[in-house]
Amino acid sequence: MNKYILTKKLKANELSTFYSFLFGLIIAFLIGSIILFLQSKNPLDVFSLMIKLSVGSLNSLSNSLNKATPLILAGLGISIINSVKLWNIGAEGQIFMGAIALNFVYINLAIGNSNVFILVLLVSGFIGGSFCILIPALAKTIFGVNEIITTLLTNYIVIGLTLYLVNGVWKDPNSLNFPAAAYVDKSVYLPIITSKLSSGFLICIFFTFIAYYLKEKSVFGYELRIAGGSELTALYAGIKSKQVAFIAMLIGGGFAGLAGAIELLSQTHRVSTGLSQGFGYTAIIVAAITGMRPIGIFLVGILFGALSIGGSVIQTIGVSSYLAEIIQASTLFGALIIQFFFTYEVKKVQDV
């Protein structure tokens, strides 16, 4: 008697991630179109307006790239950690901690050379993100505690710390009772490249190549893949899998912390509860859609940045800004469904 079983394909299609993303995007826009039809809106008009307002001019393109920067950096950090088959759900908290660390250093340190000061502040943001994930990293590598739970919980701790600081010791007396710290001085703002585009985007490009080299070309990247594949294989190869995982988590958290630092020095210019607009959570979608590939994260991050800008401005024609979030989530949902068919197949076997 024959029976059917679900098995993983021996050879995966190299373009499966791209095809999955493309199909996911089509599904997302179909869902978005249905929602717009129900609101008596013409989907073509709305989507064309979103494109025009997100990439149709140098100013709008600059805004989209600025919005994409924290998404990309946090996504790259998630990707590095996932190389050892671990998940970082705490990028949101790491973004805030990067900004908090930067502001702490800014308040307590004075450097006359603004370029050197900016560099020190960016490094402090990276260290802040690494510090934020330190306890989850130790808990995972020493005690085997589930990193999904611990990294998620750190979000609430750090956001609570942010609320305490901006409503207490760091509260700006000139903020009209708005919970926010004082602005940093203009001398440490990240320079503008052109129009409204911050040089933070150039830093993002640089770190995209660092992540790519780290994962795909370096010895450490090889160790990441071995440690993530099998602990026994890693042991046989002389690789300390727990040590590699610990370092990967610190680096990944640092990338998210850097995202918070760049956001502060280029966009908000102070610590506030609105510093991150869910960047850490959206970055998980960006990383997952691309199969954790750095170049893919960079490209999809730009797309999602444009979606966010386009979604925020279509309110002028009576369409909810949440449409962009629906498209983002639907893209992931559709991509994961299509990826399943690329990864698995149904085989007929003889029942004995």
Protein backbone atom coordinates (compact mmCIF):
# COMPACT_ATOMS: atom_id res chain seq x y z
CA MET A 1 0.00 0.00 0.00
CA ASN A 2 1.33 3.44 -0.91
CA LYS A 3 1.39 6.40 1.43
CA TYR A 4 2.49 9.99 1.07
CA ILE A 5 4.99 11.80 3.27
CA LEU A 6 6.23 15.37 3.44
CA THR A 7 10.00 15.59 3.02
CA LYS A 8 12.55 18.34 2.63
CA LYS A 9 13.94 18.75 -0.88
CA LEU A 10 17.54 17.62 -1.25
CA LYS A 11 18.41 20.52 -3.54
CA ALA A 12 16.92 23.95 -2.96
CA ASN A 13 16.34 26.47 -5.73
CA GLU A 14 18.95 29.21 -5.33
CA LEU A 15 16.40 31.86 -6.32
CA SER A 16 13.67 30.49 -4.05
CA THR A 17 13.99 33.38 -1.58
CA PHE A 18 13.62 35.94 -4.36
CA TYR A 19 10.63 34.16 -5.88
CA SER A 20 9.02 33.79 -2.46
CA PHE A 21 9.44 37.48 -1.75
CA LEU A 22 8.07 38.41 -5.18
CA PHE A 23 4.99 36.21 -4.75
CA GLY A 24 4.57 37.49 -1.19
CA LEU A 25 4.64 41.08 -2.44
CA ILE A 26 2.03 40.30 -5.09
CA ILE A 27 -0.20 38.66 -2.48
CA ALA A 28 0.27 41.66 -0.18
CA PHE A 29 -0.74 44.16 -2.84
CA LEU A 30 -3.76 42.02 -3.75
CA ILE A 31 -4.87 42.07 -0.12
CA GLY A 32 -4.22 45.82 -0.01
CA SER A 33 -6.27 46.28 -3.18
CA ILE A 34 -9.22 44.41 -1.68
CA ILE A 35 -9.10 46.62 1.41
CA LEU A 36 -9.02 49.75 -0.77
CA PHE A 37 -11.94 48.50 -2.89
CA LEU A 38 -13.94 48.03 0.31
CA GLN A 39 -13.15 51.67 1.16
CA SER A 40 -14.27 52.75 -2.34
CA LYS A 41 -10.73 53.74 -3.27
CA ASN A 42 -8.97 53.03 -6.56
CA PRO A 43 -5.94 50.83 -5.72
CA LEU A 44 -3.97 52.07 -8.75
CA ASP A 45 -4.43 55.68 -7.68
CA VAL A 46 -3.45 54.95 -4.08
CA PHE A 47 -0.40 52.82 -4.91
CA SER A 48 0.83 55.25 -7.56
CA LEU A 49 0.50 58.07 -5.03
CA MET A 50 2.47 56.02 -2.48
CA ILE A 51 5.25 55.52 -5.02
CA LYS A 52 5.27 59.18 -5.98
CA LEU A 53 5.40 60.39 -2.38
CA SER A 54 8.07 57.89 -1.31
CA VAL A 55 10.52 57.89 -4.23
CA GLY A 56 9.12 60.43 -6.69
CA SER A 57 11.49 63.24 -5.74
CA LEU A 58 14.92 63.65 -4.16
CA ASN A 59 13.34 64.79 -0.88
CA SER A 60 10.90 61.87 -0.69
CA LEU A 61 13.61 59.36 -1.67
CA SER A 62 15.86 60.80 1.04
CA ASN A 63 13.09 60.37 3.59
CA SER A 64 12.59 56.75 2.51
CA LEU A 65 16.31 55.95 2.76
CA ASN A 66 16.51 57.59 6.19
CA LYS A 67 13.55 55.50 7.32
CA ALA A 68 15.16 52.36 5.90
CA THR A 69 18.47 52.83 7.73
CA PRO A 70 17.41 51.54 11.19
CA LEU A 71 15.39 48.73 9.59
CA ILE A 72 18.44 47.54 7.65
CA LEU A 73 20.89 47.75 10.55
CA ALA A 74 18.57 45.98 12.98
CA GLY A 75 17.77 43.38 10.31
CA LEU A 76 21.48 42.74 9.75
CA GLY A 77 21.93 42.20 13.48
CA ILE A 78 19.07 39.71 13.53
CA SER A 79 20.63 37.97 10.52
CA ILE A 80 24.02 37.55 12.22
CA ILE A 81 22.43 36.03 15.32
CA ASN A 82 20.26 33.74 13.20
CA SER A 83 23.44 32.31 11.63
CA VAL A 84 23.73 30.18 14.76
CA LYS A 85 20.01 29.34 14.56
CA LEU A 86 19.05 31.79 17.30
CA TRP A 87 16.36 34.47 17.15
CA ASN A 88 16.68 38.03 18.39
CA ILE A 89 13.25 39.47 19.19
CA GLY A 90 14.80 42.26 21.25
CA ALA A 91 16.06 44.58 18.50
CA GLU A 92 13.49 47.20 19.52
CA GLY A 93 14.94 47.40 23.02
CA GLN A 94 18.48 47.35 21.65
CA ILE A 95 17.67 50.35 19.44
CA PHE A 96 16.50 52.29 22.50
CA MET A 97 19.48 51.16 24.56
CA GLY A 98 21.84 52.32 21.81
CA ALA A 99 20.27 55.77 22.01
CA ILE A 100 20.35 55.76 25.82
CA ALA A 101 24.04 54.80 25.87
CA LEU A 102 24.80 57.54 23.34
CA ASN A 103 22.96 60.17 25.39
CA PHE A 104 24.72 59.05 28.59
CA VAL A 105 28.13 59.45 26.94
CA TYR A 106 27.07 62.78 25.38
CA ILE A 107 26.06 64.19 28.77
CA ASN A 108 29.16 63.01 30.61
CA LEU A 109 31.86 63.50 28.00
CA ALA A 110 33.05 66.55 26.09
CA ILE A 111 35.28 66.28 23.02
CA GLY A 112 36.22 69.44 21.15
CA ASN A 113 36.54 67.79 17.74
CA SER A 114 32.97 67.16 16.58
CA ASN A 115 33.93 64.41 14.11
CA VAL A 116 35.75 62.46 16.83
CA PHE A 117 32.83 63.05 19.20
CA ILE A 118 30.35 61.71 16.63
CA LEU A 119 32.48 58.60 16.17
CA VAL A 120 32.65 58.06 19.95
CA LEU A 121 28.88 58.48 20.22
CA LEU A 122 28.23 55.97 17.44
CA VAL A 123 30.55 53.45 19.10
CA SER A 124 28.73 54.01 22.40
CA GLY A 125 25.44 53.22 20.64
CA PHE A 126 26.89 49.96 19.33
CA ILE A 127 28.14 49.05 22.80
CA GLY A 128 24.74 49.95 24.27
CA GLY A 129 22.99 47.49 21.94
CA SER A 130 25.51 44.79 22.83
CA PHE A 131 25.00 45.47 26.55
CA CYS A 132 21.23 45.17 26.09
CA ILE A 133 21.53 41.62 24.77
CA LEU A 134 24.28 40.61 27.24
CA ILE A 135 22.00 38.95 29.79
CA PRO A 136 19.99 36.98 27.17
CA ALA A 137 23.31 35.90 25.62
CA LEU A 138 24.68 34.70 28.96
CA ALA A 139 21.40 33.01 29.83
CA LYS A 140 21.38 31.16 26.51
CA THR A 141 25.02 30.07 26.40
CA ILE A 142 25.38 29.17 30.09
CA PHE A 143 21.94 27.93 31.13
CA GLY A 144 20.26 27.21 27.77
CA VAL A 145 17.40 29.64 28.42
CA ASN A 146 15.23 30.30 25.36
CA GLU A 147 16.59 33.45 23.73
CA ILE A 148 13.23 34.32 22.13
CA ILE A 149 11.69 34.88 25.57
CA THR A 150 14.64 36.71 27.12
CA THR A 151 15.26 39.05 24.19
CA LEU A 152 11.54 39.84 23.98
CA LEU A 153 11.38 40.64 27.69
CA THR A 154 14.34 43.01 27.46
CA ASN A 155 12.22 45.19 25.17
CA TYR A 156 9.82 45.91 28.05
CA ILE A 157 12.68 46.54 30.49
CA VAL A 158 14.49 48.99 28.20
CA ILE A 159 11.33 50.81 27.14
CA GLY A 160 10.44 51.11 30.85
CA LEU A 161 13.92 52.52 31.48
CA THR A 162 13.40 54.99 28.65
CA LEU A 163 10.12 56.16 30.16
CA TYR A 164 11.80 56.60 33.54
CA LEU A 165 14.65 58.66 32.09
CA VAL A 166 12.61 60.94 29.80
CA ASN A 167 10.05 61.57 32.56
CA GLY A 168 12.70 61.96 35.26
CA VAL A 169 16.40 62.77 35.38
CA TRP A 170 16.74 63.41 31.63
CA LYS A 171 13.48 65.25 31.09
CA ASP A 172 13.88 68.44 29.07
CA PRO A 173 12.28 71.33 31.02
CA ASN A 174 11.56 73.04 27.69
CA SER A 175 9.65 70.06 26.25
CA LEU A 176 6.23 71.44 27.33
CA ASN A 177 5.65 68.39 29.55
CA PHE A 178 6.37 66.04 26.63
CA PRO A 179 8.37 62.98 27.79
CA ALA A 180 11.72 63.57 26.08
CA ALA A 181 15.34 64.30 26.90
CA ALA A 182 17.08 67.50 25.86
CA TYR A 183 18.28 67.83 22.29
CA VAL A 184 21.91 67.08 21.50
CA ASP A 185 23.92 69.96 20.08
CA LYS A 186 23.89 70.51 16.32
CA SER A 187 27.66 69.99 16.25
CA VAL A 188 27.11 66.23 16.65
CA TYR A 189 24.33 65.90 14.08
CA LEU A 190 25.26 63.46 11.33
CA PRO A 191 26.08 65.43 8.16
CA ILE A 192 23.55 65.65 5.35
CA ILE A 193 24.72 64.15 2.04
CA THR A 194 22.16 65.72 -0.26
CA SER A 195 18.64 67.05 0.15
CA LYS A 196 17.49 65.40 3.41
CA LEU A 197 19.58 62.24 3.14
CA SER A 198 21.66 61.64 6.26
CA SER A 199 25.18 60.25 6.13
CA GLY A 200 23.78 57.56 8.42
CA PHE A 201 22.71 55.81 5.23
CA LEU A 202 26.36 55.63 4.12
CA ILE A 203 27.18 54.03 7.48
CA CYS A 204 24.33 51.59 6.81
CA ILE A 205 25.84 50.66 3.43
CA PHE A 206 29.25 50.14 5.06
CA PHE A 207 27.83 47.87 7.75
CA THR A 208 25.84 45.92 5.16
CA PHE A 209 29.13 44.94 3.53
CA ILE A 210 30.62 44.19 6.94
CA ALA A 211 27.72 41.85 7.70
CA TYR A 212 28.03 40.23 4.28
CA TYR A 213 31.77 39.65 4.70
CA LEU A 214 31.32 38.47 8.28
CA LYS A 215 28.67 35.92 7.33
CA GLU A 216 29.78 34.77 3.90
CA LYS A 217 33.53 35.31 3.55
CA SER A 218 35.18 35.28 6.97
CA VAL A 219 36.43 32.43 9.15
CA PHE A 220 34.02 33.59 11.84
CA GLY A 221 31.16 33.23 9.36
CA TYR A 222 32.23 29.64 8.71
CA GLU A 223 32.24 29.04 12.47
CA LEU A 224 28.77 30.57 12.72
CA ARG A 225 27.38 28.18 10.11
CA ILE A 226 29.02 25.12 11.68
CA ALA A 227 27.95 26.08 15.20
CA GLY A 228 24.41 26.71 13.98
CA GLY A 229 24.26 23.44 12.08
CA SER A 230 25.32 20.91 14.71
CA GLU A 231 26.99 21.21 18.09
CA LEU A 232 28.64 17.82 17.61
CA THR A 233 30.05 18.86 14.23
CA ALA A 234 31.32 22.08 15.77
CA LEU A 235 32.98 20.11 18.56
CA TYR A 236 34.63 17.79 16.03
CA ALA A 237 35.88 20.84 14.07
CA GLY A 238 37.33 22.37 17.22
CA ILE A 239 34.76 25.20 17.29
CA LYS A 240 33.38 26.34 20.65
CA SER A 241 29.77 26.72 19.60
CA LYS A 242 28.60 28.48 22.77
CA GLN A 243 31.40 31.01 22.57
CA VAL A 244 30.63 31.67 18.90
CA ALA A 245 26.92 32.07 19.67
CA PHE A 246 27.71 34.48 22.51
CA ILE A 247 29.88 36.69 20.28
CA ALA A 248 27.28 36.57 17.49
CA MET A 249 24.57 37.80 19.88
CA LEU A 250 26.73 40.69 21.08
CA ILE A 251 27.53 41.72 17.50
CA GLY A 252 23.88 41.43 16.45
CA GLY A 253 22.74 43.53 19.41
CA GLY A 254 25.43 46.07 18.57
CA PHE A 255 24.06 46.51 15.04
CA ALA A 256 20.63 47.33 16.47
CA GLY A 257 22.19 49.68 19.02
CA LEU A 258 23.99 51.46 16.19
CA ALA A 259 20.61 51.86 14.46
CA GLY A 260 19.35 53.69 17.56
CA ALA A 261 22.44 55.89 17.67
CA ILE A 262 22.10 56.88 14.00
CA GLU A 263 18.38 57.55 14.44
CA LEU A 264 19.15 59.90 17.33
CA LEU A 265 21.98 61.77 15.61
CA SER A 266 20.18 62.09 12.27
CA GLN A 267 16.43 62.22 12.90
CA THR A 268 15.08 62.69 16.45
CA HIS A 269 18.20 64.37 17.93
CA ARG A 270 17.11 63.33 21.41
CA VAL A 271 15.96 60.34 23.41
CA SER A 272 12.18 60.03 23.45
CA THR A 273 9.53 57.31 23.43
CA GLY A 274 9.06 57.97 19.72
CA LEU A 275 12.70 57.37 18.79
CA SER A 276 11.92 53.95 17.33
CA GLN A 277 8.66 53.53 15.47
CA GLY A 278 8.63 49.77 15.76
CA PHE A 279 11.84 49.47 13.73
CA GLY A 280 13.05 46.49 15.76
CA TYR A 281 9.89 44.49 15.09
CA THR A 282 9.67 45.40 11.40
CA ALA A 283 13.33 44.40 11.04
CA ILE A 284 12.36 40.84 11.97
CA ILE A 285 10.01 40.77 8.97
CA VAL A 286 12.71 42.25 6.71
CA ALA A 287 15.27 39.66 7.82
CA ALA A 288 12.84 36.73 7.61
CA ILE A 289 11.60 37.60 4.12
CA THR A 290 15.14 37.68 2.73
CA GLY A 291 16.27 34.41 4.26
CA MET A 292 18.68 36.36 6.49
CA ARG A 293 20.85 37.46 3.52
CA PRO A 294 22.56 40.84 4.12
CA ILE A 295 22.20 42.20 0.57
CA GLY A 296 18.55 41.13 0.52
CA ILE A 297 17.99 42.84 3.88
CA PHE A 298 19.47 46.03 2.46
CA LEU A 299 17.17 46.00 -0.60
CA VAL A 300 13.99 44.95 1.20
CA GLY A 301 14.76 47.41 3.99
CA ILE A 302 14.73 50.21 1.43
CA LEU A 303 11.40 48.94 0.06
CA PHE A 304 9.88 48.83 3.53
CA GLY A 305 11.25 52.29 4.29
CA ALA A 306 9.51 53.58 1.17
CA LEU A 307 6.30 51.77 2.18
CA SER A 308 6.41 53.45 5.59
CA ILE A 309 6.85 56.92 4.08
CA GLY A 310 4.20 56.29 1.44
CA GLY A 311 1.82 54.85 4.02
CA SER A 312 2.19 57.85 6.30
CA VAL A 313 1.33 60.42 3.62
CA ILE A 314 -1.67 58.72 1.97
CA GLN A 315 -3.75 59.79 4.96
CA THR A 316 -4.22 63.03 3.05
CA ILE A 317 -6.66 61.22 0.75
CA GLY A 318 -8.48 59.46 3.57
CA VAL A 319 -6.59 56.15 3.54
CA SER A 320 -5.31 54.76 6.83
CA SER A 321 -1.54 54.73 7.28
CA TYR A 322 -1.91 51.17 8.57
CA LEU A 323 -2.23 50.03 4.96
CA ALA A 324 1.58 50.00 4.73
CA GLU A 325 1.82 47.76 7.81
CA ILE A 326 -0.78 45.40 6.34
CA ILE A 327 1.29 45.16 3.15
CA GLN A 328 4.48 44.49 5.13
CA ALA A 329 2.91 41.73 7.23
CA SER A 330 1.11 40.20 4.24
CA THR A 331 4.38 40.12 2.28
CA LEU A 332 5.99 38.03 5.03
CA PHE A 333 2.95 35.77 5.31
CA GLY A 334 2.79 35.20 1.55
CA ALA A 335 6.56 34.70 1.24
CA LEU A 336 6.61 32.09 4.00
CA ILE A 337 3.79 30.15 2.35
CA ILE A 338 5.52 30.13 -1.04
CA GLN A 339 8.87 29.29 0.56
CA PHE A 340 7.27 26.17 2.05
CA PHE A 341 6.59 24.80 -1.43
CA PHE A 342 10.17 25.52 -2.49
CA THR A 343 11.54 23.75 0.58
CA TYR A 344 9.32 20.67 0.90
CA GLU A 345 7.76 18.13 -1.42
CA VAL A 346 5.28 15.29 -1.12
CA LYS A 347 6.74 11.85 -1.87
CA LYS A 348 4.99 8.57 -2.44
CA VAL A 349 6.55 5.69 -0.51
CA GLN A 350 5.78 2.01 -0.23
CA ASP A 351 4.19 1.06 3.08
CA VAL A 352 5.72 -2.16 4.40
